Amino acid sequence: MQTETYFLKSDQNFSSHIRDENYASEVFYQLYPMADQDYSC
């Protein structure tokens, strides 16, 4: 079984990822709010 290291991570736990400028604006965050916690099964 394969797992993904970065599957549905919250912003604070995704520190090695640099968000593209188009997806880092206040408008984007208002339209698509990010989770406060990681998703877990």
N, C-alpha and C. Protein backbone atom coordinates (compact mmCIF):
# COMPACT_ATOMS: atom_id res chain seq x y z
N MET A 1 0.84 -1.19 0.00
CA MET A 1 0.00 0.00 0.00
C MET A 1 0.88 1.24 0.00
N GLN A 2 0.56 2.17 -0.87
CA GLN A 2 1.34 3.40 -0.97
C GLN A 2 0.62 4.52 -0.23
N THR A 3 1.37 5.36 0.46
CA THR A 3 0.77 6.51 1.14
C THR A 3 1.40 7.78 0.59
N GLU A 4 0.71 8.87 0.74
CA GLU A 4 1.20 10.16 0.29
C GLU A 4 1.60 10.99 1.50
N THR A 5 2.78 11.54 1.48
CA THR A 5 3.29 12.32 2.59
C THR A 5 2.52 13.61 2.80
N TYR A 6 2.07 14.22 1.71
CA TYR A 6 1.43 15.53 1.80
C TYR A 6 -0.06 15.49 1.49
N PHE A 7 -0.72 14.40 1.70
CA PHE A 7 -2.14 14.29 1.40
C PHE A 7 -2.98 15.07 2.40
N LEU A 8 -3.67 16.08 1.92
CA LEU A 8 -4.59 16.92 2.71
C LEU A 8 -3.96 17.46 3.99
N LYS A 9 -2.85 18.14 3.82
CA LYS A 9 -2.17 18.78 4.94
C LYS A 9 -2.71 20.19 5.15
N SER A 10 -2.75 20.63 6.39
CA SER A 10 -3.10 22.01 6.68
C SER A 10 -1.90 22.89 6.33
N ASP A 11 -2.13 24.18 6.17
CA ASP A 11 -1.03 25.07 5.79
C ASP A 11 0.14 25.03 6.77
N GLN A 12 -0.15 25.02 8.06
CA GLN A 12 0.94 25.06 9.04
C GLN A 12 1.78 23.78 9.05
N ASN A 13 1.26 22.69 8.52
CA ASN A 13 2.02 21.43 8.47
C ASN A 13 2.50 21.10 7.06
N PHE A 14 2.55 22.11 6.21
CA PHE A 14 2.96 21.93 4.83
C PHE A 14 4.08 22.91 4.53
N SER A 15 5.01 23.03 5.46
CA SER A 15 6.03 24.08 5.41
C SER A 15 7.01 23.94 4.25
N SER A 16 7.23 22.76 3.73
CA SER A 16 8.19 22.61 2.64
C SER A 16 7.59 22.97 1.28
N HIS A 17 6.31 23.30 1.26
CA HIS A 17 5.63 23.65 0.02
C HIS A 17 5.57 25.15 -0.13
N ILE A 18 5.93 25.65 -1.31
CA ILE A 18 5.84 27.08 -1.59
C ILE A 18 4.64 27.28 -2.51
N ARG A 19 3.65 27.97 -2.01
CA ARG A 19 2.40 28.19 -2.73
C ARG A 19 2.63 29.19 -3.86
N ASP A 20 2.12 28.88 -5.07
CA ASP A 20 2.20 29.79 -6.20
C ASP A 20 1.45 31.08 -5.85
N GLU A 21 1.92 32.18 -6.37
CA GLU A 21 1.36 33.50 -6.07
C GLU A 21 -0.15 33.56 -6.29
N ASN A 22 -0.65 32.89 -7.31
CA ASN A 22 -2.09 32.90 -7.61
C ASN A 22 -2.92 32.23 -6.51
N TYR A 23 -2.30 31.37 -5.74
CA TYR A 23 -3.00 30.61 -4.71
C TYR A 23 -2.66 31.06 -3.30
N ALA A 24 -2.01 32.20 -3.18
CA ALA A 24 -1.59 32.69 -1.87
C ALA A 24 -2.24 34.03 -1.50
N SER A 25 -3.13 34.51 -2.34
CA SER A 25 -3.74 35.81 -2.08
C SER A 25 -4.85 35.71 -1.02
N GLU A 26 -5.17 36.85 -0.44
CA GLU A 26 -6.27 36.89 0.52
C GLU A 26 -7.59 36.49 -0.14
N VAL A 27 -7.77 36.91 -1.38
CA VAL A 27 -9.00 36.57 -2.11
C VAL A 27 -9.12 35.06 -2.26
N PHE A 28 -8.03 34.40 -2.63
CA PHE A 28 -8.07 32.95 -2.78
C PHE A 28 -8.42 32.28 -1.46
N TYR A 29 -7.79 32.71 -0.38
CA TYR A 29 -8.07 32.13 0.94
C TYR A 29 -9.51 32.40 1.39
N GLN A 30 -10.08 33.53 0.99
CA GLN A 30 -11.48 33.81 1.34
C GLN A 30 -12.41 32.90 0.55
N LEU A 31 -12.09 32.68 -0.72
CA LEU A 31 -12.92 31.81 -1.56
C LEU A 31 -12.74 30.33 -1.23
N TYR A 32 -11.52 29.96 -0.86
CA TYR A 32 -11.18 28.56 -0.60
C TYR A 32 -10.45 28.45 0.73
N PRO A 33 -11.16 28.54 1.84
CA PRO A 33 -10.51 28.51 3.16
C PRO A 33 -9.75 27.20 3.39
N MET A 34 -8.60 27.31 4.00
CA MET A 34 -7.77 26.16 4.29
C MET A 34 -8.15 25.57 5.65
N ALA A 35 -7.95 24.29 5.78
CA ALA A 35 -8.27 23.60 7.03
C ALA A 35 -7.29 24.02 8.13
N ASP A 36 -7.77 24.02 9.35
CA ASP A 36 -6.92 24.33 10.50
C ASP A 36 -6.08 23.13 10.92
N GLN A 37 -6.56 21.93 10.56
CA GLN A 37 -5.87 20.69 10.95
C GLN A 37 -5.73 19.78 9.73
N ASP A 38 -4.77 18.85 9.80
CA ASP A 38 -4.61 17.87 8.75
C ASP A 38 -5.80 16.93 8.73
N TYR A 39 -6.11 16.41 7.56
CA TYR A 39 -7.14 15.39 7.44
C TYR A 39 -6.54 14.06 7.85
N SER A 40 -7.26 13.28 8.59
CA SER A 40 -6.79 11.93 8.93
C SER A 40 -7.97 10.97 8.88
N CYS A 41 -7.68 9.77 8.51
CA CYS A 41 -8.73 8.74 8.39
C CYS A 41 -9.04 8.12 9.73
